[in-house]
């Protein structure tokens, strides 16, 4: 009997069916790709959910996307229902046995990151991604990722 070809991979102690992990924002909260005919979450190694904050956010007013000669720019504004809605209602509706789901934690202060992360720690997510491109309101709106001390 010939072994079935596989592209599974190990990542931080997790076995992923595929090295392909869908990026945050591309699949919203895990339901967008389920509407694509023929697509199965079993086809990917994982999906990073849309950026989630402590409180719900409406996001920026339209127009959120603009085409430039160099490509597309967007400014969605972290529209999301808040971590309680994601943990209590959205995650339970997903199929955690079909693929791995990773949370994208966003916030404006270190305290918000900690609070959101703690809530995801009691959920079914396989891992947490910190969105350090969020503005730090305590440091004049500078992104956390621009400050090596804050990023560490």
Protein backbone atom coordinates (compact mmCIF):
# COMPACT_ATOMS: atom_id res chain seq x y z
CA UNK A 1 0.00 0.00 0.00
CA UNK A 2 1.37 3.43 -0.96
CA UNK A 3 1.37 6.11 1.71
CA UNK A 4 -0.90 9.03 0.98
CA UNK A 5 0.98 12.21 0.07
CA UNK A 6 0.67 14.84 2.74
CA UNK A 7 1.74 18.40 3.19
CA UNK A 8 1.08 18.43 6.91
CA UNK A 9 3.57 20.30 9.04
CA UNK A 10 4.43 20.88 12.68
CA UNK A 11 4.23 24.42 14.05
CA UNK A 12 4.81 25.28 17.71
CA UNK A 13 3.67 21.84 18.81
CA UNK A 14 0.59 21.81 16.57
CA UNK A 15 0.10 19.49 13.63
CA UNK A 16 -1.31 21.49 10.73
CA UNK A 17 -2.87 19.62 7.78
CA UNK A 18 -1.24 22.16 5.48
CA UNK A 19 1.39 24.88 5.85
CA UNK A 20 -1.21 27.31 4.49
CA UNK A 21 -2.75 29.51 7.19
CA UNK A 22 -5.28 32.13 6.12
CA UNK A 23 -4.38 35.60 7.35
CA UNK A 24 -6.32 37.75 9.78
CA UNK A 25 -9.02 39.75 8.07
CA UNK A 26 -9.21 37.50 5.02
CA UNK A 27 -11.81 35.18 6.53
CA UNK A 28 -13.47 37.47 9.06
CA UNK A 29 -14.41 35.28 11.99
CA UNK A 30 -14.15 31.99 10.12
CA UNK A 31 -17.44 32.01 8.26
CA UNK A 32 -16.61 33.90 5.06
CA UNK A 33 -14.74 31.08 3.36
CA UNK A 34 -17.48 28.58 4.26
CA UNK A 35 -19.63 30.23 1.58
CA UNK A 36 -17.17 29.33 -1.19
CA UNK A 37 -18.42 26.31 -3.08
CA UNK A 38 -16.02 23.39 -2.84
CA UNK A 39 -13.86 24.95 -0.13
CA UNK A 40 -13.39 23.13 3.14
CA UNK A 41 -11.58 24.26 6.24
CA UNK A 42 -9.98 20.81 6.12
CA UNK A 43 -7.94 22.13 3.15
CA UNK A 44 -5.96 24.61 5.24
CA UNK A 45 -3.63 24.40 8.20
CA UNK A 46 -5.46 27.14 10.03
CA UNK A 47 -7.15 30.50 9.93
CA UNK A 48 -6.34 33.64 11.89
CA UNK A 49 -9.58 35.35 12.89
CA UNK A 50 -10.20 39.04 12.32
CA UNK A 51 -8.67 41.45 14.82
CA UNK A 52 -10.64 41.37 18.07
CA UNK A 53 -10.78 44.09 20.72
CA UNK A 54 -12.08 44.18 24.28
CA UNK A 55 -15.21 46.13 23.33
CA UNK A 56 -17.18 45.99 20.06
CA UNK A 57 -16.07 48.47 17.38
CA UNK A 58 -18.03 49.79 14.41
CA UNK A 59 -14.86 50.55 12.49
CA UNK A 60 -14.22 53.51 10.23
CA UNK A 61 -16.85 55.25 8.15
CA UNK A 62 -16.88 54.52 4.41
CA UNK A 63 -14.85 54.83 2.20
CA UNK A 64 -12.58 52.21 3.70
CA UNK A 65 -10.70 51.07 0.60
CA UNK A 66 -8.95 53.13 -2.07
CA UNK A 67 -7.05 52.08 -5.17
CA UNK A 68 -3.70 53.77 -5.78
CA UNK A 69 -1.19 53.38 -8.63
CA UNK A 70 0.83 51.13 -6.30
CA UNK A 71 -2.03 48.96 -5.07
CA UNK A 72 -4.93 49.00 -2.64
CA UNK A 73 -5.05 50.70 0.75
CA UNK A 74 -7.61 49.96 3.42
CA UNK A 75 -8.58 51.43 6.74
CA UNK A 76 -11.31 49.23 8.18
CA UNK A 77 -10.77 50.41 11.75
CA UNK A 78 -10.87 47.02 13.51
CA UNK A 79 -14.60 46.53 13.07
CA UNK A 80 -15.50 43.59 15.31
CA UNK A 81 -18.17 42.46 17.79
CA UNK A 82 -15.81 42.40 20.80
CA UNK A 83 -14.05 39.50 22.48
CA UNK A 84 -17.03 38.31 24.56
CA UNK A 85 -19.16 37.79 21.43
CA UNK A 86 -16.31 36.03 19.63
CA UNK A 87 -15.49 33.70 22.54
CA UNK A 88 -19.06 33.00 23.67
CA UNK A 89 -20.91 32.76 20.34
CA UNK A 90 -18.69 32.77 17.25
CA UNK A 91 -15.96 30.29 18.24
CA UNK A 92 -18.45 27.62 19.39
CA UNK A 93 -20.08 27.74 15.94
CA UNK A 94 -16.80 26.89 14.17
CA UNK A 95 -15.46 23.39 13.60
CA UNK A 96 -12.26 23.25 15.69
CA UNK A 97 -11.62 19.64 14.65
CA UNK A 98 -11.45 20.60 10.96
CA UNK A 99 -8.65 23.15 11.30
CA UNK A 100 -6.83 25.33 13.80
CA UNK A 101 -8.17 28.80 14.58
CA UNK A 102 -5.91 31.53 15.89
CA UNK A 103 -7.07 34.74 17.58
CA UNK A 104 -5.79 38.15 16.47
CA UNK A 105 -5.69 40.31 19.60
CA UNK A 106 -5.93 44.07 19.11
CA UNK A 107 -6.07 46.99 21.49
CA UNK A 108 -5.03 50.54 22.27
CA UNK A 109 -3.26 49.86 25.57
CA UNK A 110 -1.20 47.04 27.05
CA UNK A 111 -4.02 46.48 29.55
CA UNK A 112 -6.50 45.89 26.71
CA UNK A 113 -4.18 43.34 25.09
CA UNK A 114 -3.89 41.50 28.40
CA UNK A 115 -7.66 41.49 29.00
CA UNK A 116 -8.48 40.22 25.49
CA UNK A 117 -5.74 37.58 25.64
CA UNK A 118 -7.04 36.28 29.00
CA UNK A 119 -10.52 35.87 27.51
CA UNK A 120 -9.14 33.94 24.52
CA UNK A 121 -7.13 31.73 26.90
CA UNK A 122 -10.42 30.17 28.03
CA UNK A 123 -11.52 29.45 24.46
CA UNK A 124 -10.88 26.84 21.79
CA UNK A 125 -8.30 28.86 19.80
CA UNK A 126 -5.03 27.09 19.05
CA UNK A 127 -2.92 30.21 19.44
CA UNK A 128 -2.87 33.98 19.71
CA UNK A 129 -1.42 36.57 17.34
CA UNK A 130 -0.79 40.06 18.74
CA UNK A 131 -1.69 42.85 16.32
CA UNK A 132 1.12 45.26 17.20
CA UNK A 133 0.23 47.55 14.31
CA UNK A 134 -2.56 49.01 16.49
CA UNK A 135 -2.08 52.59 17.68
CA UNK A 136 -0.91 53.02 21.28
CA UNK A 137 -3.06 55.86 22.59
CA UNK A 138 -0.77 56.37 25.60
CA UNK A 139 2.21 57.04 23.31
CA UNK A 140 0.61 59.62 21.00
CA UNK A 141 -0.94 57.10 18.62
CA UNK A 142 2.38 55.49 17.65
CA UNK A 143 1.93 51.84 16.69
CA UNK A 144 3.19 49.33 19.27
CA UNK A 145 5.27 47.70 16.53
CA UNK A 146 7.27 50.92 16.00
CA UNK A 147 8.51 50.83 19.59
CA UNK A 148 10.96 47.96 20.28
CA UNK A 149 10.32 48.13 24.04
CA UNK A 150 6.54 47.93 23.62
CA UNK A 151 6.86 45.13 21.04
CA UNK A 152 8.91 42.96 23.38
